Amino acid sequence: MPEIELSAGTIDYEDTAGDGPVLLLVHGLGFDESVWAEVTRALRPDFRVLVPVLPVGSHRRPMRPDADLSAHGVARLLAEFMDRLDLRDVTVVQNDTGTAQLLVGVRDERIARLVLTSCEALDNYPPGTQGRTLHAASRIPGGLFLLVQAFRFPFLARMQTSLGGMAKRPLPKELIARWYTPLLTNRHIRRDFAKFLRSTRKDCYLEAAGHLPSFTRPALVAWGAEDRMMPPETGRRLAGLLPDSRYVEIPDARTLVPLDNPEGLVDEIRRFVEDNPLPGEGGRG
């Protein structure tokens, strides 16, 4: 994978290249680019797809000790990533952790279209049993280290009160190992992970919602129809705040929509881009 030096440290990223419309796929807390693998594979013939590996738990390179890795800090890294690569007219697609929302009205000049799939929003932070457990563990000395030990055992990770509650079907043990080996083996990665949990304010997404009505560019809110951690009602409320938005529910999917139903999500992204063309892109007649 290529790498890029940002203010917080060096991150890896996937880039399919090409001259198609630019899609920036943003993963959530404790995941990496692999959560988007099927979506990337389906879209790469017609789009330039980029997936940065954000420093939120499954990254392989620790960040600088003084890096701001709060939700706002990670959002600024997304903006810096787009700036450094001079990405223009970007369609940002966010899943799980809602950091892309924090760019709206602050650093959104490179964003032409916004897609929010099941993610933290409004007053749903920390979300669900999983989010509240992580949040609490990060505030107890040694608590986070003890909690992540469960991910050594796939049957524990697949419990509905753990990672398993975020997906409709059992997650492959290879993916669980990929996502959580950095946390289990590197204390600096755990430090970065803990920074996000400890420094992200509980009201940060509710505060960010105040900027959403100013985003007059096209937006798609595509929610997992069976999501328990990020309830569809949150998605409907989110769509109601975005002036030029469409709300859809992706069937047979919970929070990890790109894993549960990548075909359904790809279809909606394609339709959204075609229905909202930029100059030079064409679109539906």
Protein backbone atom coordinates (compact mmCIF):
# COMPACT_ATOMS: atom_id res chain seq x y z
CA MET A 1 0.00 0.00 0.00
CA PRO A 2 1.17 3.57 -0.58
CA GLU A 3 1.80 5.73 2.46
CA ILE A 4 1.59 9.43 3.21
CA GLU A 5 3.08 11.56 5.95
CA LEU A 6 0.45 13.62 7.77
CA SER A 7 0.77 15.91 10.77
CA ALA A 8 -0.13 13.08 13.17
CA GLY A 9 2.18 10.50 11.56
CA THR A 10 2.43 8.22 8.55
CA ILE A 11 -0.70 6.41 7.38
CA ASP A 12 -1.21 3.74 4.73
CA TYR A 13 -3.94 4.05 2.14
CA GLU A 14 -5.46 2.19 -0.78
CA ASP A 15 -5.78 4.00 -4.11
CA THR A 16 -7.24 2.32 -7.18
CA ALA A 17 -6.12 5.29 -9.32
CA GLY A 18 -7.80 6.13 -12.62
CA ASP A 19 -9.60 9.25 -13.79
CA GLY A 20 -13.14 8.38 -12.68
CA PRO A 21 -15.09 10.29 -10.01
CA VAL A 22 -13.25 10.25 -6.68
CA LEU A 23 -14.69 8.19 -3.82
CA LEU A 24 -13.15 8.43 -0.35
CA LEU A 25 -14.27 5.49 1.80
CA VAL A 26 -13.95 6.06 5.55
CA HIS A 27 -13.91 3.15 8.01
CA GLY A 28 -14.85 3.16 11.66
CA LEU A 29 -13.26 2.58 15.04
CA GLY A 30 -11.25 -0.64 15.22
CA PHE A 31 -11.42 -1.38 11.48
CA ASP A 32 -9.20 -0.82 8.44
CA GLU A 33 -9.52 -0.69 4.66
CA SER A 34 -10.55 -4.36 4.50
CA VAL A 35 -14.06 -3.53 5.71
CA TRP A 36 -14.55 -1.84 2.32
CA ALA A 37 -12.92 -4.59 0.19
CA GLU A 38 -16.04 -5.76 -1.67
CA VAL A 39 -17.29 -2.21 -2.23
CA THR A 40 -13.87 -1.14 -3.53
CA ARG A 41 -13.69 -4.13 -5.86
CA ALA A 42 -17.11 -3.40 -7.34
CA LEU A 43 -16.57 0.34 -7.83
CA ARG A 44 -12.97 0.47 -9.03
CA PRO A 45 -13.77 -0.01 -12.75
CA ASP A 46 -15.69 3.29 -12.84
CA PHE A 47 -14.31 5.32 -9.94
CA ARG A 48 -11.04 6.27 -8.34
CA VAL A 49 -11.47 4.76 -4.89
CA LEU A 50 -9.28 5.78 -1.96
CA VAL A 51 -9.38 4.22 1.51
CA PRO A 52 -7.07 5.74 4.14
CA VAL A 53 -6.18 3.55 7.12
CA LEU A 54 -7.10 5.92 9.91
CA PRO A 55 -5.35 5.74 13.31
CA VAL A 56 -8.37 4.41 15.20
CA GLY A 57 -7.22 0.98 16.36
CA SER A 58 -6.45 -1.25 13.38
CA HIS A 59 -3.65 0.86 11.95
CA ARG A 60 -0.19 -0.66 11.72
CA ARG A 61 1.86 2.50 12.32
CA PRO A 62 1.57 4.30 15.67
CA MET A 63 1.03 8.04 15.51
CA ARG A 64 3.17 10.68 17.16
CA PRO A 65 2.69 10.80 20.95
CA ASP A 66 1.29 14.35 20.80
CA ALA A 67 -1.16 13.68 17.95
CA ASP A 68 -4.77 14.77 18.41
CA LEU A 69 -6.74 11.57 17.80
CA SER A 70 -10.11 12.73 19.05
CA ALA A 71 -12.99 12.51 16.57
CA HIS A 72 -12.26 16.11 15.60
CA GLY A 73 -8.55 15.30 15.22
CA VAL A 74 -9.29 12.32 12.96
CA ALA A 75 -11.65 14.48 10.88
CA ARG A 76 -8.84 17.00 10.42
CA LEU A 77 -6.59 14.15 9.23
CA LEU A 78 -9.22 13.29 6.60
CA ALA A 79 -9.19 16.89 5.41
CA GLU A 80 -5.39 16.91 5.42
CA PHE A 81 -5.34 13.67 3.43
CA MET A 82 -7.56 15.22 0.75
CA ASP A 83 -5.43 18.35 0.71
CA ARG A 84 -2.12 16.51 0.41
CA LEU A 85 -3.38 14.41 -2.51
CA ASP A 86 -5.21 17.42 -3.98
CA LEU A 87 -8.44 15.45 -4.25
CA ARG A 88 -11.26 17.47 -5.76
CA ASP A 89 -15.02 16.99 -6.02
CA VAL A 90 -14.81 14.07 -3.60
CA THR A 91 -17.70 11.80 -2.70
CA VAL A 92 -17.03 10.91 0.93
CA VAL A 93 -18.60 7.67 2.16
CA GLN A 94 -18.56 7.11 5.94
CA ASN A 95 -19.37 3.95 7.88
CA ASP A 96 -19.56 3.28 11.63
CA THR A 97 -17.62 6.11 13.28
CA GLY A 98 -19.17 9.41 12.18
CA THR A 99 -16.04 11.53 11.80
CA ALA A 100 -16.84 12.77 8.26
CA GLN A 101 -19.79 14.70 9.70
CA LEU A 102 -17.32 16.84 11.63
CA LEU A 103 -15.97 18.27 8.35
CA VAL A 104 -19.31 19.76 7.35
CA GLY A 105 -19.22 23.53 7.67
CA VAL A 106 -15.60 23.37 8.83
CA ARG A 107 -13.37 21.72 6.17
CA ASP A 108 -15.80 20.54 3.51
CA GLU A 109 -14.60 22.53 0.49
CA ARG A 110 -13.32 19.41 -1.28
CA ILE A 111 -16.50 17.40 -0.66
CA ALA A 112 -18.97 17.39 -3.56
CA ARG A 113 -21.25 14.62 -2.28
CA LEU A 114 -21.67 12.99 1.11
CA VAL A 115 -22.78 9.43 1.89
CA LEU A 116 -23.39 8.44 5.50
CA THR A 117 -24.02 4.77 6.19
CA SER A 118 -24.83 3.49 9.68
CA CYS A 119 -22.67 5.64 11.94
CA GLU A 120 -22.54 7.59 15.16
CA ALA A 121 -24.68 10.70 14.91
CA LEU A 122 -26.65 13.21 16.97
CA ASP A 123 -27.01 12.00 20.57
CA ASN A 124 -26.07 8.37 19.81
CA TYR A 125 -22.55 8.46 21.25
CA PRO A 126 -21.15 6.28 22.63
CA PRO A 127 -23.42 3.95 20.64
CA GLY A 128 -25.00 0.78 21.94
CA THR A 129 -23.65 -1.68 24.48
CA GLN A 130 -20.41 -1.99 22.52
CA GLY A 131 -19.70 1.74 22.50
CA ARG A 132 -20.57 2.26 26.15
CA THR A 133 -18.38 -0.68 27.18
CA LEU A 134 -15.38 0.65 25.24
CA HIS A 135 -15.93 4.14 26.59
CA ALA A 136 -16.02 2.88 30.19
CA ALA A 137 -13.02 0.56 29.77
CA SER A 138 -10.87 3.37 28.37
CA ARG A 139 -11.27 5.28 31.62
CA ILE A 140 -10.09 2.47 33.90
CA PRO A 141 -6.32 1.88 34.18
CA GLY A 142 -5.62 -1.32 32.25
CA GLY A 143 -9.29 -1.67 31.33
CA LEU A 144 -8.84 -1.35 27.60
CA PHE A 145 -5.98 -3.86 27.55
CA LEU A 146 -8.12 -6.41 29.38
CA LEU A 147 -11.15 -5.77 27.21
CA VAL A 148 -9.37 -6.30 23.89
CA GLN A 149 -8.06 -9.68 25.07
CA ALA A 150 -11.50 -11.02 24.19
CA PHE A 151 -10.65 -10.52 20.52
CA ARG A 152 -8.07 -13.29 20.76
CA PHE A 153 -11.04 -15.66 20.74
CA PRO A 154 -13.39 -15.41 17.74
CA PHE A 155 -16.35 -16.88 19.65
CA LEU A 156 -16.13 -14.02 22.19
CA ALA A 157 -15.69 -11.38 19.49
CA ARG A 158 -18.77 -12.72 17.69
CA MET A 159 -21.05 -12.26 20.71
CA GLN A 160 -24.01 -9.94 20.12
CA THR A 161 -22.81 -7.63 22.88
CA SER A 162 -19.42 -7.38 21.17
CA LEU A 163 -18.30 -7.11 17.54
CA GLY A 164 -20.83 -9.71 16.44
CA GLY A 165 -23.71 -7.36 17.15
CA MET A 166 -22.49 -5.04 14.40
CA ALA A 167 -22.89 -7.58 11.60
CA LYS A 168 -25.73 -9.74 10.33
CA ARG A 169 -23.60 -12.84 9.81
CA PRO A 170 -20.65 -14.30 11.75
CA LEU A 171 -17.50 -12.35 11.03
CA PRO A 172 -14.60 -14.36 9.54
CA LYS A 173 -11.92 -15.09 12.12
CA GLU A 174 -9.30 -13.88 9.63
CA LEU A 175 -10.84 -10.42 9.62
CA ILE A 176 -11.15 -10.33 13.41
CA ALA A 177 -7.46 -11.22 13.69
CA ARG A 178 -6.51 -8.62 11.08
CA TRP A 179 -8.43 -5.84 12.79
CA TYR A 180 -7.37 -6.54 16.36
CA THR A 181 -3.82 -7.89 16.16
CA PRO A 182 -2.38 -4.33 16.21
CA LEU A 183 -4.30 -3.56 19.42
CA LEU A 184 -3.28 -6.83 21.01
CA THR A 185 0.40 -6.64 20.15
CA ASN A 186 1.37 -2.95 20.16
CA ARG A 187 0.92 -0.71 23.20
CA HIS A 188 1.37 2.40 21.05
CA ILE A 189 -1.60 1.37 18.90
CA ARG A 190 -3.60 0.88 22.12
CA ARG A 191 -2.50 4.36 23.19
CA ASP A 192 -3.83 5.81 19.92
CA PHE A 193 -7.08 3.86 20.28
CA ALA A 194 -7.53 5.05 23.85
CA LYS A 195 -6.93 8.65 22.78
CA PHE A 196 -9.97 8.55 20.52
CA LEU A 197 -12.15 7.09 23.26
CA ARG A 198 -10.93 9.40 26.01
CA SER A 199 -10.81 12.66 24.09
CA THR A 200 -13.97 12.46 21.97
CA ARG A 201 -16.66 14.47 23.75
CA LYS A 202 -20.05 12.84 24.24
CA ASP A 203 -21.78 15.78 22.59
CA CYS A 204 -19.42 16.13 19.61
CA TYR A 205 -21.80 14.61 17.04
CA LEU A 206 -24.80 16.47 18.44
CA GLU A 207 -22.83 19.69 18.16
CA ALA A 208 -21.77 18.79 14.60
CA ALA A 209 -25.43 18.33 13.65
CA GLY A 210 -25.80 22.09 13.93
CA HIS A 211 -23.67 22.46 10.80
CA LEU A 212 -25.53 19.88 8.69
CA PRO A 213 -28.27 22.25 7.42
CA SER A 214 -25.52 24.34 5.81
CA PHE A 215 -24.45 21.42 3.60
CA THR A 216 -26.51 22.08 0.47
CA ARG A 217 -24.64 19.63 -1.75
CA PRO A 218 -26.17 16.18 -2.44
CA ALA A 219 -26.21 13.72 0.45
CA LEU A 220 -27.26 10.10 0.78
CA VAL A 221 -28.04 8.49 4.13
CA ALA A 222 -27.93 4.72 3.59
CA TRP A 223 -28.64 2.89 6.84
CA GLY A 224 -28.54 -0.76 7.76
CA ALA A 225 -32.19 -1.78 7.98
CA GLU A 226 -31.49 -4.15 10.89
CA ASP A 227 -28.97 -2.01 12.73
CA ARG A 228 -29.28 -2.22 16.51
CA MET A 229 -26.29 -0.14 17.55
CA MET A 230 -27.06 2.76 15.20
CA PRO A 231 -30.88 2.64 15.01
CA PRO A 232 -32.51 3.56 11.68
CA GLU A 233 -34.41 6.32 13.48
CA THR A 234 -31.06 8.08 13.96
CA GLY A 235 -30.44 7.83 10.21
CA ARG A 236 -33.85 9.29 9.42
CA ARG A 237 -33.23 12.21 11.78
CA LEU A 238 -29.80 12.75 10.22
CA ALA A 239 -31.25 12.84 6.70
CA GLY A 240 -33.84 15.36 7.86
CA LEU A 241 -31.06 17.81 8.73
CA LEU A 242 -29.36 17.67 5.32
CA PRO A 243 -31.21 19.94 2.83
CA ASP A 244 -30.50 17.91 -0.33
CA SER A 245 -30.61 14.36 0.99
CA ARG A 246 -32.23 11.02 0.32
CA TYR A 247 -32.71 8.35 2.99
CA VAL A 248 -32.62 4.65 2.15
CA GLU A 249 -32.34 1.49 4.21
CA ILE A 250 -30.01 -1.24 3.04
CA PRO A 251 -31.75 -4.59 3.60
CA ASP A 252 -30.12 -7.51 5.36
CA ALA A 253 -27.55 -5.25 7.03
CA ARG A 254 -26.62 -3.99 10.47
CA THR A 255 -23.88 -1.45 11.28
CA LEU A 256 -21.21 -2.95 9.02
CA VAL A 257 -23.20 -2.30 5.85
CA PRO A 258 -20.13 -2.69 3.54
CA LEU A 259 -19.65 -6.23 4.85
CA ASP A 260 -23.28 -7.30 5.27
CA ASN A 261 -24.65 -6.12 1.94
CA PRO A 262 -21.93 -4.62 -0.26
CA GLU A 263 -24.01 -5.15 -3.41
CA GLY A 264 -26.92 -3.18 -2.01
CA LEU A 265 -24.65 -0.34 -0.89
CA VAL A 266 -22.79 -0.26 -4.22
CA ASP A 267 -26.09 0.00 -6.10
CA GLU A 268 -27.16 2.95 -3.95
CA ILE A 269 -23.81 4.73 -4.34
CA ARG A 270 -23.91 4.30 -8.11
CA ARG A 271 -27.48 5.57 -8.30
CA PHE A 272 -26.65 8.52 -6.06
CA VAL A 273 -23.64 9.59 -8.14
CA GLU A 274 -25.53 9.14 -11.42
CA ASP A 275 -28.51 11.15 -10.14
CA ASN A 276 -26.25 13.96 -8.91
CA PRO A 277 -23.62 14.43 -11.63
CA LEU A 278 -20.90 17.06 -11.48
CA PRO A 279 -19.85 19.02 -14.57
CA GLY A 280 -18.17 16.64 -16.96
CA GLU A 281 -19.51 13.45 -15.33
CA GLY A 282 -22.72 13.07 -17.29
CA GLY A 283 -25.58 11.35 -15.51
CA ARG A 284 -29.09 10.09 -16.02
CA GLY A 285 -31.02 11.81 -18.72
